[in-house]
């Protein structure tokens, strides 16, 4: 490899290796679904996790999973609210009922998203 530098560690020369995007990865925050995907891959698909980590594609995969899962949850909740007539009028009339309903829809959507996107 051209431009490879080494540091001395005792009697050995250790190459200074840095994966592509390593500096950027430290600054990037993952959301709930990205972190869940990361834990899932570490625990259940260690080979895939290690491969993506070593090729510098892990963070991109986790960010995409997080984005896709969040979009899917938002879309599903919006559809369920529309289908069931949960709107701002209900929110004004009975805020607790509105909140309970939206939380229920969110839990249902997350159950699907976790199964189909995060834990696949």
PDB file of N, CA and C in Angstrom:
ATOM      1  N   UNK A   1       0.830  -1.185   0.000  1.00  0.00           N
ATOM      2  CA  UNK A   1       0.000   0.000   0.000  1.00  0.00           C
ATOM      3  C   UNK A   1       0.871   1.245   0.000  1.00  0.00           C
ATOM      4  N   UNK A   2       0.523   2.176  -0.820  1.00  0.00           N
ATOM      5  CA  UNK A   2       1.250   3.434  -0.853  1.00  0.00           C
ATOM      6  C   UNK A   2       0.820   4.323   0.299  1.00  0.00           C
ATOM      7  N   UNK A   3       1.766   5.064   0.817  1.00  0.00           N
ATOM      8  CA  UNK A   3       1.443   6.041   1.836  1.00  0.00           C
ATOM      9  C   UNK A   3       1.125   5.446   3.183  1.00  0.00           C
ATOM     10  N   UNK A   4       1.411   4.198   3.396  1.00  0.00           N
ATOM     11  CA  UNK A   4       1.125   3.557   4.665  1.00  0.00           C
ATOM     12  C   UNK A   4       2.175   3.980   5.679  1.00  0.00           C
ATOM     13  N   UNK A   5       1.721   4.419   6.829  1.00  0.00           N
ATOM     14  CA  UNK A   5       2.637   4.823   7.883  1.00  0.00           C
ATOM     15  C   UNK A   5       2.566   3.811   9.017  1.00  0.00           C
ATOM     16  N   UNK A   6       3.626   3.791   9.814  1.00  0.00           N
ATOM     17  CA  UNK A   6       3.727   2.839  10.916  1.00  0.00           C
ATOM     18  C   UNK A   6       4.097   3.572  12.193  1.00  0.00           C
ATOM     19  N   UNK A   7       3.725   2.970  13.318  1.00  0.00           N
ATOM     20  CA  UNK A   7       4.184   3.473  14.605  1.00  0.00           C
ATOM     21  C   UNK A   7       4.886   2.320  15.317  1.00  0.00           C
ATOM     22  N   UNK A   8       5.885   2.644  16.087  1.00  0.00           N
ATOM     23  CA  UNK A   8       6.659   1.620  16.773  1.00  0.00           C
ATOM     24  C   UNK A   8       5.993   1.287  18.100  1.00  0.00           C
ATOM     25  N   UNK A   9       5.829   0.015  18.333  1.00  0.00           N
ATOM     26  CA  UNK A   9       5.256  -0.478  19.574  1.00  0.00           C
ATOM     27  C   UNK A   9       6.184  -1.580  20.076  1.00  0.00           C
ATOM     28  N   UNK A  10       7.061  -1.238  20.982  1.00  0.00           N
ATOM     29  CA  UNK A  10       8.081  -2.192  21.423  1.00  0.00           C
ATOM     30  C   UNK A  10       9.028  -2.481  20.284  1.00  0.00           C
ATOM     31  N   UNK A  11       9.161  -3.751  19.921  1.00  0.00           N
ATOM     32  CA  UNK A  11      10.025  -4.146  18.810  1.00  0.00           C
ATOM     33  C   UNK A  11       9.263  -4.237  17.492  1.00  0.00           C
ATOM     34  N   UNK A  12       8.002  -3.896  17.487  1.00  0.00           N
ATOM     35  CA  UNK A  12       7.173  -4.089  16.304  1.00  0.00           C
ATOM     36  C   UNK A  12       6.760  -2.759  15.685  1.00  0.00           C
ATOM     37  N   UNK A  13       6.588  -2.778  14.375  1.00  0.00           N
ATOM     38  CA  UNK A  13       6.010  -1.648  13.660  1.00  0.00           C
ATOM     39  C   UNK A  13       4.550  -1.981  13.373  1.00  0.00           C
ATOM     40  N   UNK A  14       3.664  -1.143  13.850  1.00  0.00           N
ATOM     41  CA  UNK A  14       2.224  -1.355  13.698  1.00  0.00           C
ATOM     42  C   UNK A  14       1.719  -0.366  12.657  1.00  0.00           C
ATOM     43  N   UNK A  15       0.993  -0.849  11.617  1.00  0.00           N
ATOM     44  CA  UNK A  15       0.480   0.090  10.614  1.00  0.00           C
ATOM     45  C   UNK A  15      -0.609   0.983  11.209  1.00  0.00           C
ATOM     46  N   UNK A  16      -0.589   2.250  10.820  1.00  0.00           N
ATOM     47  CA  UNK A  16      -1.626   3.197  11.223  1.00  0.00           C
ATOM     48  C   UNK A  16      -2.789   3.041  10.256  1.00  0.00           C
ATOM     49  N   UNK A  17      -3.763   2.252  10.656  1.00  0.00           N
ATOM     50  CA  UNK A  17      -4.908   1.986   9.790  1.00  0.00           C
ATOM     51  C   UNK A  17      -6.130   2.733  10.292  1.00  0.00           C
ATOM     52  N   UNK A  18      -6.878   3.294   9.357  1.00  0.00           N
ATOM     53  CA  UNK A  18      -8.129   3.961   9.680  1.00  0.00           C
ATOM     54  C   UNK A  18      -9.111   3.618   8.574  1.00  0.00           C
ATOM     55  N   UNK A  19     -10.298   3.178   8.975  1.00  0.00           N
ATOM     56  CA  UNK A  19     -11.311   2.851   7.982  1.00  0.00           C
ATOM     57  C   UNK A  19     -11.855   4.122   7.362  1.00  0.00           C
ATOM     58  N   UNK A  20     -12.291   4.011   6.102  1.00  0.00           N
ATOM     59  CA  UNK A  20     -12.908   5.153   5.434  1.00  0.00           C
ATOM     60  C   UNK A  20     -14.097   5.635   6.242  1.00  0.00           C
ATOM     61  N   UNK A  21     -14.168   6.934   6.445  1.00  0.00           N
ATOM     62  CA  UNK A  21     -15.302   7.516   7.154  1.00  0.00           C
ATOM     63  C   UNK A  21     -15.249   7.361   8.660  1.00  0.00           C
ATOM     64  N   UNK A  22     -14.133   6.871   9.206  1.00  0.00           N
ATOM     65  CA  UNK A  22     -14.063   6.642  10.639  1.00  0.00           C
ATOM     66  C   UNK A  22     -14.239   7.939  11.419  1.00  0.00           C
ATOM     67  N   UNK A  23     -13.647   9.030  10.940  1.00  0.00           N
ATOM     68  CA  UNK A  23     -13.801  10.312  11.616  1.00  0.00           C
ATOM     69  C   UNK A  23     -15.253  10.769  11.593  1.00  0.00           C
ATOM     70  N   UNK A  24     -15.924  10.595  10.449  1.00  0.00           N
ATOM     71  CA  UNK A  24     -17.314  11.008  10.308  1.00  0.00           C
ATOM     72  C   UNK A  24     -18.229  10.153  11.161  1.00  0.00           C
ATOM     73  N   UNK A  25     -17.913   8.855  11.281  1.00  0.00           N
ATOM     74  CA  UNK A  25     -18.767   7.934  12.013  1.00  0.00           C
ATOM     75  C   UNK A  25     -18.879   8.320  13.483  1.00  0.00           C
ATOM     76  N   UNK A  26     -17.812   8.855  14.049  1.00  0.00           N
ATOM     77  CA  UNK A  26     -17.843   9.244  15.443  1.00  0.00           C
ATOM     78  C   UNK A  26     -18.814  10.396  15.672  1.00  0.00           C
ATOM     79  N   UNK A  27     -18.968  11.262  14.689  1.00  0.00           N
ATOM     80  CA  UNK A  27     -19.838  12.417  14.822  1.00  0.00           C
ATOM     81  C   UNK A  27     -21.299  12.074  14.554  1.00  0.00           C
ATOM     82  N   UNK A  28     -21.555  10.980  13.861  1.00  0.00           N
ATOM     83  CA  UNK A  28     -22.899  10.619  13.446  1.00  0.00           C
ATOM     84  C   UNK A  28     -23.652   9.961  14.592  1.00  0.00           C
ATOM     85  N   UNK A  29     -24.850  10.462  14.839  1.00  0.00           N
ATOM     86  CA  UNK A  29     -25.694   9.884  15.868  1.00  0.00           C
ATOM     87  C   UNK A  29     -26.686   8.934  15.217  1.00  0.00           C
ATOM     88  N   UNK A  30     -26.895   7.810  15.852  1.00  0.00           N
ATOM     89  CA  UNK A  30     -27.888   6.856  15.376  1.00  0.00           C
ATOM     90  C   UNK A  30     -29.151   7.001  16.205  1.00  0.00           C
ATOM     91  N   UNK A  31     -30.279   6.800  15.565  1.00  0.00           N
ATOM     92  CA  UNK A  31     -31.550   6.820  16.263  1.00  0.00           C
ATOM     93  C   UNK A  31     -31.849   5.457  16.867  1.00  0.00           C
ATOM     94  N   UNK A  32     -33.021   5.344  17.412  1.00  0.00           N
ATOM     95  CA  UNK A  32     -33.475   4.136  18.093  1.00  0.00           C
ATOM     96  C   UNK A  32     -33.338   2.892  17.226  1.00  0.00           C
ATOM     97  N   UNK A  33     -33.817   2.967  15.999  1.00  0.00           N
ATOM     98  CA  UNK A  33     -33.838   1.780  15.146  1.00  0.00           C
ATOM     99  C   UNK A  33     -32.443   1.411  14.652  1.00  0.00           C
ATOM    100  N   UNK A  34     -31.589   2.385  14.419  1.00  0.00           N
ATOM    101  CA  UNK A  34     -30.207   2.111  14.035  1.00  0.00           C
ATOM    102  C   UNK A  34     -29.450   1.423  15.151  1.00  0.00           C
ATOM    103  N   UNK A  35     -29.665   1.872  16.382  1.00  0.00           N
ATOM    104  CA  UNK A  35     -29.006   1.255  17.530  1.00  0.00           C
ATOM    105  C   UNK A  35     -29.523  -0.161  17.770  1.00  0.00           C
ATOM    106  N   UNK A  36     -30.828  -0.357  17.596  1.00  0.00           N
ATOM    107  CA  UNK A  36     -31.384  -1.702  17.748  1.00  0.00           C
ATOM    108  C   UNK A  36     -30.826  -2.652  16.683  1.00  0.00           C
ATOM    109  N   UNK A  37     -30.702  -2.156  15.457  1.00  0.00           N
ATOM    110  CA  UNK A  37     -30.139  -2.960  14.367  1.00  0.00           C
ATOM    111  C   UNK A  37     -28.684  -3.318  14.664  1.00  0.00           C
ATOM    112  N   UNK A  38     -27.930  -2.359  15.184  1.00  0.00           N
ATOM    113  CA  UNK A  38     -26.535  -2.599  15.516  1.00  0.00           C
ATOM    114  C   UNK A  38     -26.423  -3.709  16.573  1.00  0.00           C
ATOM    115  N   UNK A  39     -27.219  -3.627  17.613  1.00  0.00           N
ATOM    116  CA  UNK A  39     -27.200  -4.657  18.666  1.00  0.00           C
ATOM    117  C   UNK A  39     -27.604  -6.013  18.109  1.00  0.00           C
ATOM    118  N   UNK A  40     -28.619  -6.022  17.255  1.00  0.00           N
ATOM    119  CA  UNK A  40     -29.084  -7.271  16.651  1.00  0.00           C
ATOM    120  C   UNK A  40     -27.988  -7.918  15.815  1.00  0.00           C
ATOM    121  N   UNK A  41     -27.333  -7.130  14.983  1.00  0.00           N
ATOM    122  CA  UNK A  41     -26.263  -7.685  14.147  1.00  0.00           C
ATOM    123  C   UNK A  41     -25.106  -8.200  15.001  1.00  0.00           C
ATOM    124  N   UNK A  42     -24.728  -7.464  16.028  1.00  0.00           N
ATOM    125  CA  UNK A  42     -23.632  -7.893  16.914  1.00  0.00           C
ATOM    126  C   UNK A  42     -23.943  -9.231  17.570  1.00  0.00           C
ATOM    127  N   UNK A  43     -25.179  -9.376  18.050  1.00  0.00           N
ATOM    128  CA  UNK A  43     -25.553 -10.562  18.817  1.00  0.00           C
ATOM    129  C   UNK A  43     -25.918 -11.765  17.955  1.00  0.00           C
ATOM    130  N   UNK A  44     -26.561 -11.540  16.823  1.00  0.00           N
ATOM    131  CA  UNK A  44     -27.128 -12.649  16.064  1.00  0.00           C
ATOM    132  C   UNK A  44     -26.506 -12.874  14.689  1.00  0.00           C
ATOM    133  N   UNK A  45     -25.816 -11.883  14.163  1.00  0.00           N
ATOM    134  CA  UNK A  45     -25.180 -11.990  12.839  1.00  0.00           C
ATOM    135  C   UNK A  45     -23.797 -11.361  12.908  1.00  0.00           C
ATOM    136  N   UNK A  46     -22.972 -11.942  13.773  1.00  0.00           N
ATOM    137  CA  UNK A  46     -21.666 -11.345  14.038  1.00  0.00           C
ATOM    138  C   UNK A  46     -20.804 -11.249  12.782  1.00  0.00           C
ATOM    139  N   UNK A  47     -20.903 -12.228  11.894  1.00  0.00           N
ATOM    140  CA  UNK A  47     -20.133 -12.192  10.651  1.00  0.00           C
ATOM    141  C   UNK A  47     -20.514 -11.011   9.778  1.00  0.00           C
ATOM    142  N   UNK A  48     -21.806 -10.788   9.632  1.00  0.00           N
ATOM    143  CA  UNK A  48     -22.292  -9.647   8.846  1.00  0.00           C
ATOM    144  C   UNK A  48     -21.867  -8.339   9.490  1.00  0.00           C
ATOM    145  N   UNK A  49     -21.993  -8.278  10.801  1.00  0.00           N
ATOM    146  CA  UNK A  49     -21.594  -7.067  11.533  1.00  0.00           C
ATOM    147  C   UNK A  49     -20.112  -6.770  11.301  1.00  0.00           C
ATOM    148  N   UNK A  50     -19.284  -7.779  11.480  1.00  0.00           N
ATOM    149  CA  UNK A  50     -17.837  -7.602  11.329  1.00  0.00           C
ATOM    150  C   UNK A  50     -17.467  -7.245   9.900  1.00  0.00           C
ATOM    151  N   UNK A  51     -18.090  -7.902   8.946  1.00  0.00           N
ATOM    152  CA  UNK A  51     -17.810  -7.627   7.534  1.00  0.00           C
ATOM    153  C   UNK A  51     -18.133  -6.182   7.184  1.00  0.00           C
ATOM    154  N   UNK A  52     -19.300  -5.722   7.594  1.00  0.00           N
ATOM    155  CA  UNK A  52     -19.691  -4.335   7.294  1.00  0.00           C
ATOM    156  C   UNK A  52     -18.821  -3.337   8.037  1.00  0.00           C
ATOM    157  N   UNK A  53     -18.420  -3.697   9.237  1.00  0.00           N
ATOM    158  CA  UNK A  53     -17.542  -2.820  10.008  1.00  0.00           C
ATOM    159  C   UNK A  53     -16.188  -2.691   9.311  1.00  0.00           C
ATOM    160  N   UNK A  54     -15.627  -3.807   8.880  1.00  0.00           N
ATOM    161  CA  UNK A  54     -14.307  -3.801   8.263  1.00  0.00           C
ATOM    162  C   UNK A  54     -14.295  -3.167   6.878  1.00  0.00           C
ATOM    163  N   UNK A  55     -15.412  -3.219   6.176  1.00  0.00           N
ATOM    164  CA  UNK A  55     -15.477  -2.608   4.846  1.00  0.00           C
ATOM    165  C   UNK A  55     -15.938  -1.149   4.904  1.00  0.00           C
ATOM    166  N   UNK A  56     -16.225  -0.661   6.101  1.00  0.00           N
ATOM    167  CA  UNK A  56     -16.642   0.723   6.257  1.00  0.00           C
ATOM    168  C   UNK A  56     -18.084   0.978   5.863  1.00  0.00           C
ATOM    169  N   UNK A  57     -18.891  -0.073   5.783  1.00  0.00           N
ATOM    170  CA  UNK A  57     -20.280   0.080   5.352  1.00  0.00           C
ATOM    171  C   UNK A  57     -21.283  -0.064   6.494  1.00  0.00           C
ATOM    172  N   UNK A  58     -20.800  -0.298   7.690  1.00  0.00           N
ATOM    173  CA  UNK A  58     -21.705  -0.517   8.819  1.00  0.00           C
ATOM    174  C   UNK A  58     -22.523   0.731   9.141  1.00  0.00           C
ATOM    175  N   UNK A  59     -21.863   1.867   9.304  1.00  0.00           N
ATOM    176  CA  UNK A  59     -22.570   3.090   9.701  1.00  0.00           C
ATOM    177  C   UNK A  59     -23.603   3.484   8.641  1.00  0.00           C
ATOM    178  N   UNK A  60     -23.231   3.360   7.385  1.00  0.00           N
ATOM    179  CA  UNK A  60     -24.175   3.677   6.301  1.00  0.00           C
ATOM    180  C   UNK A  60     -25.402   2.774   6.385  1.00  0.00           C
ATOM    181  N   UNK A  61     -25.183   1.484   6.638  1.00  0.00           N
ATOM    182  CA  UNK A  61     -26.279   0.524   6.762  1.00  0.00           C
ATOM    183  C   UNK A  61     -27.174   0.864   7.960  1.00  0.00           C
ATOM    184  N   UNK A  62     -26.557   1.177   9.089  1.00  0.00           N
ATOM    185  CA  UNK A  62     -27.325   1.495  10.290  1.00  0.00           C
ATOM    186  C   UNK A  62     -28.134   2.773  10.122  1.00  0.00           C
ATOM    187  N   UNK A  63     -27.541   3.771   9.480  1.00  0.00           N
ATOM    188  CA  UNK A  63     -28.259   5.023   9.232  1.00  0.00           C
ATOM    189  C   UNK A  63     -29.433   4.803   8.282  1.00  0.00           C
ATOM    190  N   UNK A  64     -29.218   4.012   7.245  1.00  0.00           N
ATOM    191  CA  UNK A  64     -30.295   3.731   6.289  1.00  0.00           C
ATOM    192  C   UNK A  64     -31.416   2.941   6.958  1.00  0.00           C
ATOM    193  N   UNK A  65     -31.054   1.972   7.776  1.00  0.00           N
ATOM    194  CA  UNK A  65     -32.058   1.197   8.508  1.00  0.00           C
ATOM    195  C   UNK A  65     -32.859   2.106   9.426  1.00  0.00           C
ATOM    196  N   UNK A  66     -32.175   2.990  10.123  1.00  0.00           N
ATOM    197  CA  UNK A  66     -32.835   3.921  11.034  1.00  0.00           C
ATOM    198  C   UNK A  66     -33.798   4.832  10.274  1.00  0.00           C
ATOM    199  N   UNK A  67     -33.338   5.381   9.174  1.00  0.00           N
ATOM    200  CA  UNK A  67     -34.165   6.281   8.365  1.00  0.00           C
ATOM    201  C   UNK A  67     -35.381   5.556   7.816  1.00  0.00           C
ATOM    202  N   UNK A  68     -35.149   4.384   7.254  1.00  0.00           N
ATOM    203  CA  UNK A  68     -36.229   3.611   6.646  1.00  0.00           C
ATOM    204  C   UNK A  68     -37.261   3.191   7.702  1.00  0.00           C
ATOM    205  N   UNK A  69     -36.802   2.732   8.845  1.00  0.00           N
ATOM    206  CA  UNK A  69     -37.715   2.290   9.899  1.00  0.00           C
ATOM    207  C   UNK A  69     -38.544   3.460  10.429  1.00  0.00           C
ATOM    208  N   UNK A  70     -37.906   4.602  10.650  1.00  0.00           N
ATOM    209  CA  UNK A  70     -38.634   5.768  11.171  1.00  0.00           C
ATOM    210  C   UNK A  70     -39.679   6.256  10.170  1.00  0.00           C
ATOM    211  N   UNK A  71     -39.311   6.288   8.896  1.00  0.00           N
ATOM    212  CA  UNK A  71     -40.267   6.694   7.863  1.00  0.00           C
ATOM    213  C   UNK A  71     -41.463   5.750   7.815  1.00  0.00           C
ATOM    214  N   UNK A  72     -41.187   4.453   7.930  1.00  0.00           N
ATOM    215  CA  UNK A  72     -42.256   3.456   7.881  1.00  0.00           C
ATOM    216  C   UNK A  72     -43.199   3.606   9.077  1.00  0.00           C
ATOM    217  N   UNK A  73     -42.647   3.808  10.266  1.00  0.00           N
ATOM    218  CA  UNK A  73     -43.484   4.006  11.458  1.00  0.00           C
ATOM    219  C   UNK A  73     -44.347   5.253  11.276  1.00  0.00           C
ATOM    220  N   UNK A  74     -43.739   6.349  10.857  1.00  0.00           N
ATOM    221  CA  UNK A  74     -44.495   7.592  10.668  1.00  0.00           C
ATOM    222  C   UNK A  74     -45.621   7.415   9.660  1.00  0.00           C
ATOM    223  N   UNK A  75     -45.324   6.728   8.564  1.00  0.00           N
ATOM    224  CA  UNK A  75     -46.330   6.513   7.524  1.00  0.00           C
ATOM    225  C   UNK A  75     -47.469   5.631   8.035  1.00  0.00           C
ATOM    226  N   UNK A  76     -47.122   4.563   8.730  1.00  0.00           N
ATOM    227  CA  UNK A  76     -48.151   3.651   9.232  1.00  0.00           C
ATOM    228  C   UNK A  76     -49.040   4.337  10.265  1.00  0.00           C
ATOM    229  N   UNK A  77     -48.449   5.110  11.154  1.00  0.00           N
ATOM    230  CA  UNK A  77     -49.235   5.818  12.173  1.00  0.00           C
ATOM    231  C   UNK A  77     -50.182   6.820  11.499  1.00  0.00           C
ATOM    232  N   UNK A  78     -49.672   7.548  10.522  1.00  0.00           N
ATOM    233  CA  UNK A  78     -50.520   8.511   9.808  1.00  0.00           C
ATOM    234  C   UNK A  78     -51.691   7.811   9.126  1.00  0.00           C
ATOM    235  N   UNK A  79     -51.439   6.662   8.503  1.00  0.00           N
ATOM    236  CA  UNK A  79     -52.506   5.913   7.837  1.00  0.00           C
ATOM    237  C   UNK A  79     -53.537   5.416   8.841  1.00  0.00           C
ATOM    238  N   UNK A  80     -53.080   4.879   9.985  1.00  0.00           N
ATOM    239  CA  UNK A  80     -54.004   4.381  11.005  1.00  0.00           C
ATOM    240  C   UNK A  80     -54.845   5.522  11.581  1.00  0.00           C
ATOM    241  N   UNK A  81     -54.215   6.679  11.771  1.00  0.00           N
ATOM    242  CA  UNK A  81     -54.965   7.836  12.282  1.00  0.00           C
ATOM    243  C   UNK A  81     -56.050   8.237  11.291  1.00  0.00           C
ATOM    244  N   UNK A  82     -55.709   8.257  10.014  1.00  0.00           N
ATOM    245  CA  UNK A  82     -56.679   8.637   8.983  1.00  0.00           C
ATOM    246  C   UNK A  82     -57.818   7.627   8.919  1.00  0.00           C
ATOM    247  N   UNK A  83     -57.484   6.352   8.930  1.00  0.00           N
ATOM    248  CA  UNK A  83     -58.501   5.299   8.839  1.00  0.00           C
ATOM    249  C   UNK A  83     -59.463   5.299  10.023  1.00  0.00           C
ATOM    250  N   UNK A  84     -58.961   5.701  11.188  1.00  0.00           N
ATOM    251  CA  UNK A  84     -59.772   5.653  12.402  1.00  0.00           C
ATOM    252  C   UNK A  84     -60.320   7.013  12.828  1.00  0.00           C
ATOM    253  N   UNK A  85     -60.136   8.012  11.990  1.00  0.00           N
ATOM    254  CA  UNK A  85     -60.700   9.327  12.279  1.00  0.00           C
ATOM    255  C   UNK A  85     -60.058  10.037  13.468  1.00  0.00           C
ATOM    256  N   UNK A  86     -58.819   9.720  13.726  1.00  0.00           N
ATOM    257  CA  UNK A  86     -58.101  10.383  14.826  1.00  0.00           C
ATOM    258  C   UNK A  86     -57.478  11.645  14.247  1.00  0.00           C
ATOM    259  N   UNK A  87     -57.998  12.793  14.684  1.00  0.00           N
ATOM    260  CA  UNK A  87     -57.548  14.054  14.106  1.00  0.00           C
ATOM    261  C   UNK A  87     -57.402  15.123  15.182  1.00  0.00           C
ATOM    262  N   UNK A  88     -57.143  16.327  14.738  1.00  0.00           N
ATOM    263  CA  UNK A  88     -56.952  17.437  15.668  1.00  0.00           C
ATOM    264  C   UNK A  88     -58.219  17.738  16.462  1.00  0.00           C
ATOM    265  N   UNK A  89     -59.380  17.473  15.873  1.00  0.00           N
ATOM    266  CA  UNK A  89     -60.637  17.712  16.594  1.00  0.00           C
ATOM    267  C   UNK A  89     -60.714  16.809  17.824  1.00  0.00           C
ATOM    268  N   UNK A  90     -60.331  15.548  17.675  1.00  0.00           N
ATOM    269  CA  UNK A  90     -60.315  14.635  18.823  1.00  0.00           C
ATOM    270  C   UNK A  90     -59.284  15.110  19.847  1.00  0.00           C
ATOM    271  N   UNK A  91     -58.154  15.567  19.352  1.00  0.00           N
ATOM    272  CA  UNK A  91     -57.097  16.052  20.250  1.00  0.00           C
ATOM    273  C   UNK A  91     -57.605  17.219  21.098  1.00  0.00           C
ATOM    274  N   UNK A  92     -58.380  18.108  20.492  1.00  0.00           N
ATOM    275  CA  UNK A  92     -58.930  19.255  21.228  1.00  0.00           C
ATOM    276  C   UNK A  92     -60.012  18.825  22.218  1.00  0.00           C
ATOM    277  N   UNK A  93     -60.845  17.849  21.822  1.00  0.00           N
ATOM    278  CA  UNK A  93     -61.940  17.372  22.683  1.00  0.00           C
ATOM    279  C   UNK A  93     -61.424  16.551  23.854  1.00  0.00           C
ATOM    280  N   UNK A  94     -60.535  15.597  23.560  1.00  0.00           N
ATOM    281  CA  UNK A  94     -60.082  14.650  24.591  1.00  0.00           C
ATOM    282  C   UNK A  94     -58.613  14.312  24.344  1.00  0.00           C
ATOM    283  N   UNK A  95     -57.757  15.122  24.909  1.00  0.00           N
ATOM    284  CA  UNK A  95     -56.328  14.985  24.658  1.00  0.00           C
ATOM    285  C   UNK A  95     -55.778  13.628  25.122  1.00  0.00           C
ATOM    286  N   UNK A  96     -56.261  13.133  26.247  1.00  0.00           N
ATOM    287  CA  UNK A  96     -55.774  11.841  26.747  1.00  0.00           C
ATOM    288  C   UNK A  96     -56.178  10.689  25.820  1.00  0.00           C
ATOM    289  N   UNK A  97     -57.393  10.710  25.331  1.00  0.00           N
ATOM    290  CA  UNK A  97     -57.839   9.664  24.407  1.00  0.00           C
ATOM    291  C   UNK A  97     -57.017   9.718  23.121  1.00  0.00           C
ATOM    292  N   UNK A  98     -56.774  10.926  22.636  1.00  0.00           N
ATOM    293  CA  UNK A  98     -55.960  11.096  21.432  1.00  0.00           C
ATOM    294  C   UNK A  98     -54.561  10.534  21.652  1.00  0.00           C
ATOM    295  N   UNK A  99     -53.950  10.882  22.781  1.00  0.00           N
ATOM    296  CA  UNK A  99     -52.596  10.431  23.096  1.00  0.00           C
ATOM    297  C   UNK A  99     -52.527   8.910  23.232  1.00  0.00           C
ATOM    298  N   UNK A 100     -53.490   8.325  23.920  1.00  0.00           N
ATOM    299  CA  UNK A 100     -53.522   6.869  24.075  1.00  0.00           C
ATOM    300  C   UNK A 100     -53.660   6.183  22.720  1.00  0.00           C
ATOM    301  N   UNK A 101     -54.501   6.726  21.865  1.00  0.00           N
ATOM    302  CA  UNK A 101     -54.712   6.144  20.543  1.00  0.00           C
ATOM    303  C   UNK A 101     -53.457   6.234  19.691  1.00  0.00           C
ATOM    304  N   UNK A 102     -52.821   7.397  19.677  1.00  0.00           N
ATOM    305  CA  UNK A 102     -51.599   7.577  18.896  1.00  0.00           C
ATOM    306  C   UNK A 102     -50.485   6.673  19.427  1.00  0.00           C
ATOM    307  N   UNK A 103     -50.357   6.553  20.744  1.00  0.00           N
ATOM    308  CA  UNK A 103     -49.354   5.657  21.323  1.00  0.00           C
ATOM    309  C   UNK A 103     -49.616   4.202  20.947  1.00  0.00           C
ATOM    310  N   UNK A 104     -50.884   3.835  20.923  1.00  0.00           N
ATOM    311  CA  UNK A 104     -51.251   2.478  20.521  1.00  0.00           C
ATOM    312  C   UNK A 104     -50.890   2.221  19.062  1.00  0.00           C
ATOM    313  N   UNK A 105     -51.200   3.175  18.195  1.00  0.00           N
ATOM    314  CA  UNK A 105     -50.849   3.055  16.777  1.00  0.00           C
ATOM    315  C   UNK A 105     -49.332   2.980  16.594  1.00  0.00           C
ATOM    316  N   UNK A 106     -48.615   3.772  17.361  1.00  0.00           N
ATOM    317  CA  UNK A 106     -47.149   3.772  17.272  1.00  0.00           C
ATOM    318  C   UNK A 106     -46.586   2.417  17.696  1.00  0.00           C
ATOM    319  N   UNK A 107     -47.113   1.860  18.761  1.00  0.00           N
ATOM    320  CA  UNK A 107     -46.653   0.542  19.225  1.00  0.00           C
ATOM    321  C   UNK A 107     -46.924  -0.533  18.174  1.00  0.00           C
ATOM    322  N   UNK A 108     -48.090  -0.474  17.547  1.00  0.00           N
ATOM    323  CA  UNK A 108     -48.424  -1.445  16.498  1.00  0.00           C
ATOM    324  C   UNK A 108     -47.479  -1.296  15.302  1.00  0.00           C
ATOM    325  N   UNK A 109     -47.240  -0.073  14.900  1.00  0.00           N
ATOM    326  CA  UNK A 109     -46.353   0.182  13.760  1.00  0.00           C
ATOM    327  C   UNK A 109     -44.931  -0.260  14.075  1.00  0.00           C
ATOM    328  N   UNK A 110     -44.459   0.025  15.290  1.00  0.00           N
ATOM    329  CA  UNK A 110     -43.113  -0.373  15.668  1.00  0.00           C
ATOM    330  C   UNK A 110     -42.952  -1.886  15.686  1.00  0.00           C
ATOM    331  N   UNK A 111     -43.987  -2.586  16.112  1.00  0.00           N
ATOM    332  CA  UNK A 111     -43.933  -4.050  16.129  1.00  0.00           C
ATOM    333  C   UNK A 111     -43.683  -4.589  14.717  1.00  0.00           C
ATOM    334  N   UNK A 112     -44.374  -4.042  13.747  1.00  0.00           N
ATOM    335  CA  UNK A 112     -44.205  -4.461  12.356  1.00  0.00           C
ATOM    336  C   UNK A 112     -42.820  -4.080  11.846  1.00  0.00           C
ATOM    337  N   UNK A 113     -42.410  -2.856  12.104  1.00  0.00           N
ATOM    338  CA  UNK A 113     -41.123  -2.354  11.609  1.00  0.00           C
ATOM    339  C   UNK A 113     -39.956  -3.120  12.230  1.00  0.00           C
ATOM    340  N   UNK A 114     -40.048  -3.405  13.495  1.00  0.00           N
ATOM    341  CA  UNK A 114     -38.967  -4.167  14.134  1.00  0.00           C
ATOM    342  C   UNK A 114     -38.835  -5.550  13.487  1.00  0.00           C
ATOM    343  N   UNK A 115     -39.953  -6.185  13.242  1.00  0.00           N
ATOM    344  CA  UNK A 115     -39.939  -7.524  12.653  1.00  0.00           C
ATOM    345  C   UNK A 115     -39.474  -7.497  11.196  1.00  0.00           C
ATOM    346  N   UNK A 116     -39.951  -6.522  10.418  1.00  0.00           N
ATOM    347  CA  UNK A 116     -39.679  -6.519   8.979  1.00  0.00           C
ATOM    348  C   UNK A 116     -38.399  -5.795   8.565  1.00  0.00           C
ATOM    349  N   UNK A 117     -37.943  -4.839   9.359  1.00  0.00           N
ATOM    350  CA  UNK A 117     -36.782  -4.052   8.963  1.00  0.00           C
ATOM    351  C   UNK A 117     -35.584  -4.261   9.900  1.00  0.00           C
ATOM    352  N   UNK A 118     -35.803  -4.083  11.181  1.00  0.00           N
ATOM    353  CA  UNK A 118     -34.693  -4.093  12.130  1.00  0.00           C
ATOM    354  C   UNK A 118     -34.179  -5.501  12.420  1.00  0.00           C
ATOM    355  N   UNK A 119     -35.080  -6.437  12.688  1.00  0.00           N
ATOM    356  CA  UNK A 119     -34.675  -7.788  13.094  1.00  0.00           C
ATOM    357  C   UNK A 119     -34.832  -8.812  11.968  1.00  0.00           C
ATOM    358  N   UNK A 120     -34.465  -8.456  10.776  1.00  0.00           N
ATOM    359  CA  UNK A 120     -34.527  -9.414   9.653  1.00  0.00           C
ATOM    360  C   UNK A 120     -33.149  -9.947   9.362  1.00  0.00           C
TER     361      UNK A 120
END
